Amino acid sequence: MGDKRHHPRIPIRQRVWCEGQNVTLYVQALNVSLGGLFVRTANPPPPGGRFRVSFNDLDDGEVVVDAEVMWSRRGSGDEQPGMGLRIVGFEKGAESFDRFVTRQLHGR
Protein backbone atom coordinates (compact mmCIF):
# COMPACT_ATOMS: atom_id res chain seq x y z
CA MET A 1 0.00 0.00 0.00
CA GLY A 2 1.55 3.32 -1.10
CA ASP A 3 1.71 6.65 0.68
CA LYS A 4 -1.43 8.65 -0.19
CA ARG A 5 -0.39 11.92 1.47
CA HIS A 6 -0.70 15.10 -0.54
CA HIS A 7 1.31 17.35 1.81
CA PRO A 8 4.69 16.96 3.53
CA ARG A 9 4.63 16.29 7.28
CA ILE A 10 6.39 18.50 9.79
CA PRO A 11 7.40 17.06 13.18
CA ILE A 12 5.97 19.00 16.13
CA ARG A 13 5.21 18.53 19.82
CA GLN A 14 1.88 20.30 20.27
CA ARG A 15 -0.83 19.51 22.85
CA VAL A 16 -4.31 19.49 21.28
CA TRP A 17 -7.89 18.94 22.42
CA CYS A 18 -9.83 16.34 20.42
CA GLU A 19 -13.57 16.34 21.08
CA GLY A 20 -15.74 13.66 19.50
CA GLN A 21 -18.82 11.63 20.25
CA ASN A 22 -18.64 10.54 23.88
CA VAL A 23 -14.91 11.30 24.18
CA THR A 24 -12.62 14.25 24.90
CA LEU A 25 -8.87 13.75 24.63
CA TYR A 26 -6.00 16.05 25.53
CA VAL A 27 -3.20 14.54 23.46
CA GLN A 28 0.04 15.41 21.75
CA ALA A 29 0.26 15.99 18.01
CA LEU A 30 3.53 14.56 16.72
CA ASN A 31 3.36 15.89 13.18
CA VAL A 32 1.28 18.20 11.06
CA SER A 33 0.75 19.06 7.40
CA LEU A 34 -1.54 21.39 5.49
CA GLY A 35 -3.98 18.48 5.19
CA GLY A 36 -3.95 16.91 8.63
CA LEU A 37 -2.09 15.75 11.71
CA PHE A 38 -1.02 12.68 13.65
CA VAL A 39 -1.92 12.58 17.33
CA ARG A 40 -0.62 10.10 19.86
CA THR A 41 -3.22 8.24 21.89
CA ALA A 42 -3.14 4.79 23.48
CA ASN A 43 -6.74 3.99 22.45
CA PRO A 44 -7.37 5.46 19.03
CA PRO A 45 -10.86 5.20 17.58
CA PRO A 46 -11.43 3.40 14.28
CA PRO A 47 -11.34 5.22 10.94
CA GLY A 48 -14.38 7.29 10.06
CA GLY A 49 -14.77 8.99 13.43
CA ARG A 50 -14.99 12.78 13.56
CA PHE A 51 -13.33 15.18 15.98
CA ARG A 52 -13.24 18.87 16.70
CA VAL A 53 -9.53 19.57 17.25
CA SER A 54 -8.35 22.78 18.91
CA PHE A 55 -5.00 24.18 19.95
CA ASN A 56 -3.73 27.66 20.70
CA ASP A 57 0.03 27.59 21.11
CA LEU A 58 0.71 28.49 17.49
CA ASP A 59 2.46 31.77 16.73
CA ASP A 60 -0.72 33.45 15.49
CA GLY A 61 -3.38 32.24 17.95
CA GLU A 62 -6.11 29.63 18.28
CA VAL A 63 -6.89 27.06 15.59
CA VAL A 64 -10.06 24.94 15.58
CA VAL A 65 -10.58 22.29 12.90
CA ASP A 66 -13.09 19.61 12.06
CA ALA A 67 -11.17 16.39 11.38
CA GLU A 68 -11.85 12.82 10.32
CA VAL A 69 -9.93 9.76 11.50
CA MET A 70 -8.34 8.30 8.38
CA TRP A 71 -6.37 5.54 10.10
CA SER A 72 -5.47 4.41 13.60
CA ARG A 73 -2.97 2.06 15.16
CA ARG A 74 -2.39 0.63 18.61
CA GLY A 75 1.38 0.87 18.15
CA SER A 76 4.05 -1.77 18.24
CA GLY A 77 7.80 -1.79 18.09
CA ASP A 78 8.99 1.67 17.07
CA GLU A 79 5.52 2.88 15.98
CA GLN A 80 3.68 5.34 18.20
CA PRO A 81 0.04 4.48 18.92
CA GLY A 82 -2.37 7.08 17.62
CA MET A 83 -4.51 8.28 14.76
CA GLY A 84 -4.04 10.10 11.49
CA LEU A 85 -6.55 12.94 11.15
CA ARG A 86 -7.55 14.63 7.89
CA ILE A 87 -8.65 18.24 8.20
CA VAL A 88 -12.16 18.51 6.81
CA GLY A 89 -12.66 22.22 7.55
CA PHE A 90 -11.75 25.11 9.79
CA GLU A 91 -13.95 26.70 12.44
CA LYS A 92 -11.25 29.19 13.35
CA GLY A 93 -7.65 30.04 12.47
CA ALA A 94 -7.24 28.75 8.91
CA GLU A 95 -4.80 31.53 7.99
CA SER A 96 -2.85 31.10 11.26
CA PHE A 97 -2.54 27.38 10.63
CA ASP A 98 -1.39 27.91 7.05
CA ARG A 99 1.25 30.45 8.13
CA PHE A 100 2.51 28.13 10.90
CA VAL A 101 2.89 25.12 8.60
CA THR A 102 4.49 27.21 5.85
CA ARG A 103 7.02 28.69 8.31
CA GLN A 104 7.91 25.21 9.59
CA LEU A 105 8.39 23.92 6.05
CA HIS A 106 10.73 26.76 5.16
CA GLY A 107 12.66 26.91 8.43
CA ARG A 108 10.95 30.07 9.65
PDB file of N, CA and C in Angstrom:
ATOM      1  N   MET A   1       0.846  -1.165   0.000  1.00  0.00           N
ATOM      2  CA  MET A   1       0.000   0.000   0.000  1.00  0.00           C
ATOM      3  C   MET A   1       0.897   1.235   0.000  1.00  0.00           C
ATOM      4  N   GLY A   2       0.703   2.144  -0.961  1.00  0.00           N
ATOM      5  CA  GLY A   2       1.545   3.325  -1.096  1.00  0.00           C
ATOM      6  C   GLY A   2       1.107   4.469  -0.201  1.00  0.00           C
ATOM      7  N   ASP A   3       1.973   5.450  -0.103  1.00  0.00           N
ATOM      8  CA  ASP A   3       1.706   6.650   0.682  1.00  0.00           C
ATOM      9  C   ASP A   3       0.743   7.540  -0.091  1.00  0.00           C
ATOM     10  N   LYS A   4      -0.404   7.862   0.494  1.00  0.00           N
ATOM     11  CA  LYS A   4      -1.433   8.649  -0.186  1.00  0.00           C
ATOM     12  C   LYS A   4      -1.436  10.107   0.234  1.00  0.00           C
ATOM     13  N   ARG A   5      -0.421  10.542   0.984  1.00  0.00           N
ATOM     14  CA  ARG A   5      -0.387  11.919   1.473  1.00  0.00           C
ATOM     15  C   ARG A   5      -0.170  12.908   0.341  1.00  0.00           C
ATOM     16  N   HIS A   6      -0.826  14.045   0.452  1.00  0.00           N
ATOM     17  CA  HIS A   6      -0.696  15.103  -0.542  1.00  0.00           C
ATOM     18  C   HIS A   6       0.214  16.228  -0.068  1.00  0.00           C
ATOM     19  N   HIS A   7       0.533  16.258   1.224  1.00  0.00           N
ATOM     20  CA  HIS A   7       1.306  17.348   1.812  1.00  0.00           C
ATOM     21  C   HIS A   7       2.444  16.783   2.663  1.00  0.00           C
ATOM     22  N   PRO A   8       3.597  17.432   2.671  1.00  0.00           N
ATOM     23  CA  PRO A   8       4.692  16.959   3.532  1.00  0.00           C
ATOM     24  C   PRO A   8       4.360  17.139   5.003  1.00  0.00           C
ATOM     25  N   ARG A   9       4.836  16.231   5.827  1.00  0.00           N
ATOM     26  CA  ARG A   9       4.631  16.290   7.278  1.00  0.00           C
ATOM     27  C   ARG A   9       5.767  17.065   7.930  1.00  0.00           C
ATOM     28  N   ILE A  10       5.424  17.751   9.011  1.00  0.00           N
ATOM     29  CA  ILE A  10       6.388  18.500   9.792  1.00  0.00           C
ATOM     30  C   ILE A  10       6.325  17.970  11.222  1.00  0.00           C
ATOM     31  N   PRO A  11       7.444  17.520  11.794  1.00  0.00           N
ATOM     32  CA  PRO A  11       7.403  17.058  13.182  1.00  0.00           C
ATOM     33  C   PRO A  11       7.148  18.219  14.142  1.00  0.00           C
ATOM     34  N   ILE A  12       6.270  17.999  15.106  1.00  0.00           N
ATOM     35  CA  ILE A  12       5.966  19.001  16.134  1.00  0.00           C
ATOM     36  C   ILE A  12       5.729  18.278  17.448  1.00  0.00           C
ATOM     37  N   ARG A  13       5.634  19.024  18.502  1.00  0.00           N
ATOM     38  CA  ARG A  13       5.206  18.529  19.816  1.00  0.00           C
ATOM     39  C   ARG A  13       4.196  19.559  20.311  1.00  0.00           C
ATOM     40  N   GLN A  14       2.933  19.335  19.993  1.00  0.00           N
ATOM     41  CA  GLN A  14       1.878  20.304  20.273  1.00  0.00           C
ATOM     42  C   GLN A  14       0.722  19.610  20.970  1.00  0.00           C
ATOM     43  N   ARG A  15       0.326  20.072  22.149  1.00  0.00           N
ATOM     44  CA  ARG A  15      -0.832  19.514  22.846  1.00  0.00           C
ATOM     45  C   ARG A  15      -2.101  20.031  22.174  1.00  0.00           C
ATOM     46  N   VAL A  16      -3.061  19.131  21.942  1.00  0.00           N
ATOM     47  CA  VAL A  16      -4.307  19.486  21.282  1.00  0.00           C
ATOM     48  C   VAL A  16      -5.487  18.843  22.003  1.00  0.00           C
ATOM     49  N   TRP A  17      -6.628  19.496  21.930  1.00  0.00           N
ATOM     50  CA  TRP A  17      -7.889  18.938  22.416  1.00  0.00           C
ATOM     51  C   TRP A  17      -8.579  18.277  21.236  1.00  0.00           C
ATOM     52  N   CYS A  18      -9.037  17.049  21.420  1.00  0.00           N
ATOM     53  CA  CYS A  18      -9.831  16.337  20.421  1.00  0.00           C
ATOM     54  C   CYS A  18     -11.167  15.998  21.070  1.00  0.00           C
ATOM     55  N   GLU A  19     -12.230  16.581  20.543  1.00  0.00           N
ATOM     56  CA  GLU A  19     -13.568  16.339  21.084  1.00  0.00           C
ATOM     57  C   GLU A  19     -14.407  15.618  20.031  1.00  0.00           C
ATOM     58  N   GLY A  20     -14.902  14.435  20.400  1.00  0.00           N
ATOM     59  CA  GLY A  20     -15.743  13.661  19.497  1.00  0.00           C
ATOM     60  C   GLY A  20     -16.931  13.121  20.246  1.00  0.00           C
ATOM     61  N   GLN A  21     -17.661  12.222  19.597  1.00  0.00           N
ATOM     62  CA  GLN A  21     -18.820  11.630  20.246  1.00  0.00           C
ATOM     63  C   GLN A  21     -18.381  10.844  21.476  1.00  0.00           C
ATOM     64  N   ASN A  22     -18.866  11.241  22.615  1.00  0.00           N
ATOM     65  CA  ASN A  22     -18.636  10.541  23.882  1.00  0.00           C
ATOM     66  C   ASN A  22     -17.178  10.490  24.331  1.00  0.00           C
ATOM     67  N   VAL A  23     -16.307  11.324  23.763  1.00  0.00           N
ATOM     68  CA  VAL A  23     -14.909  11.299  24.182  1.00  0.00           C
ATOM     69  C   VAL A  23     -14.260  12.670  24.004  1.00  0.00           C
ATOM     70  N   THR A  24     -13.462  13.053  24.992  1.00  0.00           N
ATOM     71  CA  THR A  24     -12.620  14.249  24.896  1.00  0.00           C
ATOM     72  C   THR A  24     -11.214  13.830  25.282  1.00  0.00           C
ATOM     73  N   LEU A  25     -10.256  14.124  24.409  1.00  0.00           N
ATOM     74  CA  LEU A  25      -8.868  13.749  24.632  1.00  0.00           C
ATOM     75  C   LEU A  25      -7.999  14.992  24.655  1.00  0.00           C
ATOM     76  N   TYR A  26      -7.030  15.025  25.540  1.00  0.00           N
ATOM     77  CA  TYR A  26      -5.998  16.054  25.526  1.00  0.00           C
ATOM     78  C   TYR A  26      -4.714  15.304  25.204  1.00  0.00           C
ATOM     79  N   VAL A  27      -4.273  15.385  23.966  1.00  0.00           N
ATOM     80  CA  VAL A  27      -3.205  14.537  23.461  1.00  0.00           C
ATOM     81  C   VAL A  27      -2.128  15.373  22.779  1.00  0.00           C
ATOM     82  N   GLN A  28      -1.053  14.717  22.409  1.00  0.00           N
ATOM     83  CA  GLN A  28       0.044  15.413  21.748  1.00  0.00           C
ATOM     84  C   GLN A  28       0.055  15.094  20.258  1.00  0.00           C
ATOM     85  N   ALA A  29       0.066  16.154  19.441  1.00  0.00           N
ATOM     86  CA  ALA A  29       0.263  15.985  18.008  1.00  0.00           C
ATOM     87  C   ALA A  29       1.758  15.815  17.776  1.00  0.00           C
ATOM     88  N   LEU A  30       2.120  14.830  16.988  1.00  0.00           N
ATOM     89  CA  LEU A  30       3.529  14.562  16.723  1.00  0.00           C
ATOM     90  C   LEU A  30       3.974  15.057  15.355  1.00  0.00           C
ATOM     91  N   ASN A  31       3.026  15.248  14.445  1.00  0.00           N
ATOM     92  CA  ASN A  31       3.361  15.885  13.177  1.00  0.00           C
ATOM     93  C   ASN A  31       2.123  16.520  12.582  1.00  0.00           C
ATOM     94  N   VAL A  32       2.356  17.432  11.650  1.00  0.00           N
ATOM     95  CA  VAL A  32       1.279  18.203  11.057  1.00  0.00           C
ATOM     96  C   VAL A  32       1.611  18.467   9.595  1.00  0.00           C
ATOM     97  N   SER A  33       0.591  18.653   8.793  1.00  0.00           N
ATOM     98  CA  SER A  33       0.747  19.060   7.399  1.00  0.00           C
ATOM     99  C   SER A  33      -0.423  19.977   7.074  1.00  0.00           C
ATOM    100  N   LEU A  34      -0.424  20.525   5.888  1.00  0.00           N
ATOM    101  CA  LEU A  34      -1.540  21.389   5.489  1.00  0.00           C
ATOM    102  C   LEU A  34      -2.851  20.608   5.421  1.00  0.00           C
ATOM    103  N   GLY A  35      -2.773  19.288   5.313  1.00  0.00           N
ATOM    104  CA  GLY A  35      -3.980  18.482   5.187  1.00  0.00           C
ATOM    105  C   GLY A  35      -4.412  17.722   6.422  1.00  0.00           C
ATOM    106  N   GLY A  36      -3.564  17.683   7.462  1.00  0.00           N
ATOM    107  CA  GLY A  36      -3.952  16.909   8.633  1.00  0.00           C
ATOM    108  C   GLY A  36      -2.870  16.847   9.686  1.00  0.00           C
ATOM    109  N   LEU A  37      -3.044  15.904  10.632  1.00  0.00           N
ATOM    110  CA  LEU A  37      -2.085  15.749  11.708  1.00  0.00           C
ATOM    111  C   LEU A  37      -2.151  14.341  12.274  1.00  0.00           C
ATOM    112  N   PHE A  38      -1.071  13.950  12.933  1.00  0.00           N
ATOM    113  CA  PHE A  38      -1.024  12.676  13.647  1.00  0.00           C
ATOM    114  C   PHE A  38      -0.994  12.992  15.127  1.00  0.00           C
ATOM    115  N   VAL A  39      -1.899  12.384  15.880  1.00  0.00           N
ATOM    116  CA  VAL A  39      -1.917  12.580  17.328  1.00  0.00           C
ATOM    117  C   VAL A  39      -1.700  11.239  18.020  1.00  0.00           C
ATOM    118  N   ARG A  40      -0.929  11.295  19.087  1.00  0.00           N
ATOM    119  CA  ARG A  40      -0.616  10.098  19.858  1.00  0.00           C
ATOM    120  C   ARG A  40      -1.721   9.869  20.888  1.00  0.00           C
ATOM    121  N   THR A  41      -2.240   8.653  20.898  1.00  0.00           N
ATOM    122  CA  THR A  41      -3.224   8.241  21.894  1.00  0.00           C
ATOM    123  C   THR A  41      -3.173   6.723  22.016  1.00  0.00           C
ATOM    124  N   ALA A  42      -3.247   6.229  23.237  1.00  0.00           N
ATOM    125  CA  ALA A  42      -3.141   4.792  23.478  1.00  0.00           C
ATOM    126  C   ALA A  42      -4.343   4.011  22.959  1.00  0.00           C
ATOM    127  N   ASN A  43      -5.509   4.658  22.893  1.00  0.00           N
ATOM    128  CA  ASN A  43      -6.741   3.986  22.455  1.00  0.00           C
ATOM    129  C   ASN A  43      -7.391   4.757  21.309  1.00  0.00           C
ATOM    130  N   PRO A  44      -6.800   4.714  20.137  1.00  0.00           N
ATOM    131  CA  PRO A  44      -7.367   5.463  19.026  1.00  0.00           C
ATOM    132  C   PRO A  44      -8.682   4.857  18.535  1.00  0.00           C
ATOM    133  N   PRO A  45      -9.608   5.716  18.138  1.00  0.00           N
ATOM    134  CA  PRO A  45     -10.864   5.204  17.584  1.00  0.00           C
ATOM    135  C   PRO A  45     -10.640   4.683  16.162  1.00  0.00           C
ATOM    136  N   PRO A  46     -11.582   3.915  15.644  1.00  0.00           N
ATOM    137  CA  PRO A  46     -11.431   3.401  14.279  1.00  0.00           C
ATOM    138  C   PRO A  46     -11.609   4.506  13.242  1.00  0.00           C
ATOM    139  N   PRO A  47     -11.147   4.256  12.021  1.00  0.00           N
ATOM    140  CA  PRO A  47     -11.337   5.224  10.938  1.00  0.00           C
ATOM    141  C   PRO A  47     -12.811   5.573  10.750  1.00  0.00           C
ATOM    142  N   GLY A  48     -13.026   6.803  10.315  1.00  0.00           N
ATOM    143  CA  GLY A  48     -14.376   7.290  10.063  1.00  0.00           C
ATOM    144  C   GLY A  48     -14.914   8.195  11.145  1.00  0.00           C
ATOM    145  N   GLY A  49     -14.332   8.127  12.335  1.00  0.00           N
ATOM    146  CA  GLY A  49     -14.773   8.993  13.425  1.00  0.00           C
ATOM    147  C   GLY A  49     -14.457  10.456  13.134  1.00  0.00           C
ATOM    148  N   ARG A  50     -15.200  11.347  13.757  1.00  0.00           N
ATOM    149  CA  ARG A  50     -14.994  12.781  13.561  1.00  0.00           C
ATOM    150  C   ARG A  50     -14.633  13.429  14.884  1.00  0.00           C
ATOM    151  N   PHE A  51     -13.756  14.428  14.807  1.00  0.00           N
ATOM    152  CA  PHE A  51     -13.330  15.179  15.978  1.00  0.00           C
ATOM    153  C   PHE A  51     -13.296  16.668  15.677  1.00  0.00           C
ATOM    154  N   ARG A  52     -13.507  17.431  16.711  1.00  0.00           N
ATOM    155  CA  ARG A  52     -13.236  18.873  16.699  1.00  0.00           C
ATOM    156  C   ARG A  52     -11.899  19.008  17.412  1.00  0.00           C
ATOM    157  N   VAL A  53     -10.881  19.481  16.713  1.00  0.00           N
ATOM    158  CA  VAL A  53      -9.532  19.568  17.251  1.00  0.00           C
ATOM    159  C   VAL A  53      -9.199  21.037  17.449  1.00  0.00           C
ATOM    160  N   SER A  54      -8.712  21.379  18.642  1.00  0.00           N
ATOM    161  CA  SER A  54      -8.355  22.776  18.908  1.00  0.00           C
ATOM    162  C   SER A  54      -7.012  22.853  19.626  1.00  0.00           C
ATOM    163  N   PHE A  55      -6.278  23.903  19.306  1.00  0.00           N
ATOM    164  CA  PHE A  55      -5.000  24.183  19.952  1.00  0.00           C
ATOM    165  C   PHE A  55      -4.718  25.660  19.797  1.00  0.00           C
ATOM    166  N   ASN A  56      -3.937  26.219  20.730  1.00  0.00           N
ATOM    167  CA  ASN A  56      -3.731  27.665  20.702  1.00  0.00           C
ATOM    168  C   ASN A  56      -2.300  28.095  20.975  1.00  0.00           C
ATOM    169  N   ASP A  57      -1.348  27.206  20.876  1.00  0.00           N
ATOM    170  CA  ASP A  57       0.027  27.593  21.107  1.00  0.00           C
ATOM    171  C   ASP A  57       0.774  27.941  19.820  1.00  0.00           C
ATOM    172  N   LEU A  58       0.064  28.086  18.735  1.00  0.00           N
ATOM    173  CA  LEU A  58       0.706  28.487  17.489  1.00  0.00           C
ATOM    174  C   LEU A  58       1.087  29.961  17.567  1.00  0.00           C
ATOM    175  N   ASP A  59       1.958  30.390  16.705  1.00  0.00           N
ATOM    176  CA  ASP A  59       2.457  31.765  16.727  1.00  0.00           C
ATOM    177  C   ASP A  59       1.356  32.804  16.560  1.00  0.00           C
ATOM    178  N   ASP A  60       0.305  32.461  15.827  1.00  0.00           N
ATOM    179  CA  ASP A  60      -0.723  33.451  15.494  1.00  0.00           C
ATOM    180  C   ASP A  60      -2.030  33.287  16.249  1.00  0.00           C
ATOM    181  N   GLY A  61      -2.152  32.360  17.177  1.00  0.00           N
ATOM    182  CA  GLY A  61      -3.377  32.236  17.948  1.00  0.00           C
ATOM    183  C   GLY A  61      -4.065  30.900  17.810  1.00  0.00           C
ATOM    184  N   GLU A  62      -5.335  30.870  18.199  1.00  0.00           N
ATOM    185  CA  GLU A  62      -6.109  29.631  18.279  1.00  0.00           C
ATOM    186  C   GLU A  62      -6.491  29.095  16.905  1.00  0.00           C
ATOM    187  N   VAL A  63      -6.451  27.768  16.794  1.00  0.00           N
ATOM    188  CA  VAL A  63      -6.889  27.063  15.593  1.00  0.00           C
ATOM    189  C   VAL A  63      -7.903  26.013  16.029  1.00  0.00           C
ATOM    190  N   VAL A  64      -9.023  25.941  15.317  1.00  0.00           N
ATOM    191  CA  VAL A  64     -10.058  24.935  15.575  1.00  0.00           C
ATOM    192  C   VAL A  64     -10.427  24.313  14.239  1.00  0.00           C
ATOM    193  N   VAL A  65     -10.280  22.990  14.147  1.00  0.00           N
ATOM    194  CA  VAL A  65     -10.583  22.291  12.897  1.00  0.00           C
ATOM    195  C   VAL A  65     -11.559  21.155  13.137  1.00  0.00           C
ATOM    196  N   ASP A  66     -12.299  20.830  12.098  1.00  0.00           N
ATOM    197  CA  ASP A  66     -13.091  19.608  12.059  1.00  0.00           C
ATOM    198  C   ASP A  66     -12.218  18.588  11.344  1.00  0.00           C
ATOM    199  N   ALA A  67     -12.068  17.395  11.939  1.00  0.00           N
ATOM    200  CA  ALA A  67     -11.168  16.393  11.381  1.00  0.00           C
ATOM    201  C   ALA A  67     -11.816  15.018  11.380  1.00  0.00           C
ATOM    202  N   GLU A  68     -11.368  14.186  10.448  1.00  0.00           N
ATOM    203  CA  GLU A  68     -11.850  12.820  10.319  1.00  0.00           C
ATOM    204  C   GLU A  68     -10.693  11.857  10.545  1.00  0.00           C
ATOM    205  N   VAL A  69     -10.941  10.794  11.292  1.00  0.00           N
ATOM    206  CA  VAL A  69      -9.929   9.759  11.501  1.00  0.00           C
ATOM    207  C   VAL A  69      -9.787   8.973  10.198  1.00  0.00           C
ATOM    208  N   MET A  70      -8.592   9.028   9.617  1.00  0.00           N
ATOM    209  CA  MET A  70      -8.337   8.303   8.379  1.00  0.00           C
ATOM    210  C   MET A  70      -7.752   6.920   8.650  1.00  0.00           C
ATOM    211  N   TRP A  71      -6.956   6.816   9.706  1.00  0.00           N
ATOM    212  CA  TRP A  71      -6.372   5.542  10.105  1.00  0.00           C
ATOM    213  C   TRP A  71      -6.005   5.619  11.580  1.00  0.00           C
ATOM    214  N   SER A  72      -5.887   4.458  12.192  1.00  0.00           N
ATOM    215  CA  SER A  72      -5.474   4.407  13.598  1.00  0.00           C
ATOM    216  C   SER A  72      -4.637   3.155  13.804  1.00  0.00           C
ATOM    217  N   ARG A  73      -3.800   3.218  14.833  1.00  0.00           N
ATOM    218  CA  ARG A  73      -2.975   2.055  15.158  1.00  0.00           C
ATOM    219  C   ARG A  73      -2.728   2.021  16.658  1.00  0.00           C
ATOM    220  N   ARG A  74      -2.638   0.833  17.183  1.00  0.00           N
ATOM    221  CA  ARG A  74      -2.386   0.626  18.610  1.00  0.00           C
ATOM    222  C   ARG A  74      -0.901   0.795  18.935  1.00  0.00           C
ATOM    223  N   GLY A  75      -0.051   0.707  17.943  1.00  0.00           N
ATOM    224  CA  GLY A  75       1.380   0.872  18.151  1.00  0.00           C
ATOM    225  C   GLY A  75       2.050  -0.440  18.486  1.00  0.00           C
ATOM    226  N   SER A  76       3.240  -0.599  17.932  1.00  0.00           N
ATOM    227  CA  SER A  76       4.051  -1.769  18.239  1.00  0.00           C
ATOM    228  C   SER A  76       5.466  -1.478  17.774  1.00  0.00           C
ATOM    229  N   GLY A  77       6.417  -2.043  18.466  1.00  0.00           N
ATOM    230  CA  GLY A  77       7.801  -1.791  18.095  1.00  0.00           C
ATOM    231  C   GLY A  77       8.130  -0.310  18.187  1.00  0.00           C
ATOM    232  N   ASP A  78       8.614   0.253  17.105  1.00  0.00           N
ATOM    233  CA  ASP A  78       8.991   1.672  17.066  1.00  0.00           C
ATOM    234  C   ASP A  78       7.827   2.597  16.730  1.00  0.00           C
ATOM    235  N   GLU A  79       6.667   2.051  16.371  1.00  0.00           N
ATOM    236  CA  GLU A  79       5.523   2.878  15.981  1.00  0.00           C
ATOM    237  C   GLU A  79       4.797   3.416  17.204  1.00  0.00           C
ATOM    238  N   GLN A  80       4.482   4.708  17.154  1.00  0.00           N
ATOM    239  CA  GLN A  80       3.683   5.343  18.204  1.00  0.00           C
ATOM    240  C   GLN A  80       2.222   4.968  18.006  1.00  0.00           C
ATOM    241  N   PRO A  81       1.478   4.688  19.073  1.00  0.00           N
ATOM    242  CA  PRO A  81       0.041   4.481  18.922  1.00  0.00           C
ATOM    243  C   PRO A  81      -0.626   5.829  18.657  1.00  0.00           C
ATOM    244  N   GLY A  82      -1.670   5.823  17.869  1.00  0.00           N
ATOM    245  CA  GLY A  82      -2.371   7.080  17.616  1.00  0.00           C
ATOM    246  C   GLY A  82      -3.260   7.013  16.406  1.00  0.00           C
ATOM    247  N   MET A  83      -3.590   8.199  15.891  1.00  0.00           N
ATOM    248  CA  MET A  83      -4.509   8.281  14.758  1.00  0.00           C
ATOM    249  C   MET A  83      -4.086   9.391  13.804  1.00  0.00           C
ATOM    250  N   GLY A  84      -4.281   9.116  12.534  1.00  0.00           N
ATOM    251  CA  GLY A  84      -4.044  10.100  11.492  1.00  0.00           C
ATOM    252  C   GLY A  84      -5.355  10.815  11.201  1.00  0.00           C
ATOM    253  N   LEU A  85      -5.343  12.134  11.347  1.00  0.00           N
ATOM    254  CA  LEU A  85      -6.550  12.944  11.148  1.00  0.00           C
ATOM    255  C   LEU A  85      -6.430  13.786   9.882  1.00  0.00           C
ATOM    256  N   ARG A  86      -7.468  13.774   9.078  1.00  0.00           N
ATOM    257  CA  ARG A  86      -7.547  14.630   7.891  1.00  0.00           C
ATOM    258  C   ARG A  86      -8.398  15.839   8.243  1.00  0.00           C
ATOM    259  N   ILE A  87      -7.881  17.017   7.940  1.00  0.00           N
ATOM    260  CA  ILE A  87      -8.646  18.239   8.200  1.00  0.00           C
ATOM    261  C   ILE A  87      -9.752  18.349   7.164  1.00  0.00           C
ATOM    262  N   VAL A  88     -10.984  18.406   7.665  1.00  0.00           N
ATOM    263  CA  VAL A  88     -12.162  18.512   6.810  1.00  0.00           C
ATOM    264  C   VAL A  88     -12.521  19.981   6.598  1.00  0.00           C
ATOM    265  N   GLY A  89     -12.340  20.796   7.637  1.00  0.00           N
ATOM    266  CA  GLY A  89     -12.664  22.219   7.548  1.00  0.00           C
ATOM    267  C   GLY A  89     -12.185  22.950   8.783  1.00  0.00           C
ATOM    268  N   PHE A  90     -12.192  24.261   8.689  1.00  0.00           N
ATOM    269  CA  PHE A  90     -11.750  25.112   9.791  1.00  0.00           C
ATOM    270  C   PHE A  90     -12.931  25.851  10.400  1.00  0.00           C
ATOM    271  N   GLU A  91     -13.000  25.846  11.721  1.00  0.00           N
ATOM    272  CA  GLU A  91     -13.947  26.703  12.441  1.00  0.00           C
ATOM    273  C   GLU A  91     -13.293  28.036  12.753  1.00  0.00           C
ATOM    274  N   LYS A  92     -11.965  27.987  12.954  1.00  0.00           N
ATOM    275  CA  LYS A  92     -11.246  29.190  13.349  1.00  0.00           C
ATOM    276  C   LYS A  92      -9.755  28.998  13.048  1.00  0.00           C
ATOM    277  N   GLY A  93      -9.096  30.043  12.581  1.00  0.00           N
ATOM    278  CA  GLY A  93      -7.648  30.041  12.469  1.00  0.00           C
ATOM    279  C   GLY A  93      -7.053  29.422  11.229  1.00  0.00           C
ATOM    280  N   ALA A  94      -7.777  29.354  10.142  1.00  0.00           N
ATOM    281  CA  ALA A  94      -7.245  28.751   8.912  1.00  0.00           C
ATOM    282  C   ALA A  94      -5.974  29.458   8.442  1.00  0.00           C
ATOM    283  N   GLU A  95      -5.978  30.779   8.448  1.00  0.00           N
ATOM    284  CA  GLU A  95      -4.804  31.531   7.994  1.00  0.00           C
ATOM    285  C   GLU A  95      -3.637  31.346   8.953  1.00  0.00           C
ATOM    286  N   SER A  96      -3.902  31.327  10.261  1.00  0.00           N
ATOM    287  CA  SER A  96      -2.854  31.101  11.256  1.00  0.00           C
ATOM    288  C   SER A  96      -2.207  29.729  11.059  1.00  0.00           C
ATOM    289  N   PHE A  97      -3.034  28.729  10.838  1.00  0.00           N
ATOM    290  CA  PHE A  97      -2.541  27.377  10.625  1.00  0.00           C
ATOM    291  C   PHE A  97      -1.671  27.313   9.379  1.00  0.00           C
ATOM    292  N   ASP A  98      -2.135  27.903   8.304  1.00  0.00           N
ATOM    293  CA  ASP A  98      -1.390  27.908   7.053  1.00  0.00           C
ATOM    294  C   ASP A  98      -0.034  28.596   7.227  1.00  0.00           C
ATOM    295  N   ARG A  99      -0.018  29.735   7.905  1.00  0.00           N
ATOM    296  CA  ARG A  99       1.250  30.449   8.133  1.00  0.00           C
ATOM    297  C   ARG A  99       2.201  29.610   8.983  1.00  0.00           C
ATOM    298  N   PHE A 100       1.682  28.969  10.029  1.00  0.00           N
ATOM    299  CA  PHE A 100       2.506  28.130  10.904  1.00  0.00           C
ATOM    300  C   PHE A 100       3.157  26.999  10.114  1.00  0.00           C
ATOM    301  N   VAL A 101       2.365  26.264   9.351  1.00  0.00           N
ATOM    302  CA  VAL A 101       2.891  25.123   8.596  1.00  0.00           C
ATOM    303  C   VAL A 101       3.896  25.608   7.551  1.00  0.00           C
ATOM    304  N   THR A 102       3.588  26.681   6.870  1.00  0.00           N
ATOM    305  CA  THR A 102       4.493  27.215   5.852  1.00  0.00           C
ATOM    306  C   THR A 102       5.824  27.632   6.468  1.00  0.00           C
ATOM    307  N   ARG A 103       5.785  28.286   7.625  1.00  0.00           N
ATOM    308  CA  ARG A 103       7.017  28.690   8.312  1.00  0.00           C
ATOM    309  C   ARG A 103       7.847  27.457   8.691  1.00  0.00           C
ATOM    310  N   GLN A 104       7.181  26.428   9.189  1.00  0.00           N
ATOM    311  CA  GLN A 104       7.908  25.213   9.592  1.00  0.00           C
ATOM    312  C   GLN A 104       8.546  24.533   8.378  1.00  0.00           C
ATOM    313  N   LEU A 105       7.855  24.534   7.274  1.00  0.00           N
ATOM    314  CA  LEU A 105       8.387  23.917   6.047  1.00  0.00           C
ATOM    315  C   LEU A 105       9.623  24.637   5.538  1.00  0.00           C
ATOM    316  N   HIS A 106       9.641  25.951   5.716  1.00  0.00           N
ATOM    317  CA  HIS A 106      10.727  26.764   5.155  1.00  0.00           C
ATOM    318  C   HIS A 106      11.736  27.213   6.210  1.00  0.00           C
ATOM    319  N   GLY A 107      11.696  26.598   7.386  1.00  0.00           N
ATOM    320  CA  GLY A 107      12.663  26.910   8.428  1.00  0.00           C
ATOM    321  C   GLY A 107      12.522  28.300   9.018  1.00  0.00           C
ATOM    322  N   ARG A 108      11.304  28.770   9.087  1.00  0.00           N
ATOM    323  CA  ARG A 108      10.945  30.073   9.649  1.00  0.00           C
ATOM    324  C   ARG A 108      11.308  31.150   8.740  1.00  0.00           C
TER     325      ARG A 108
END
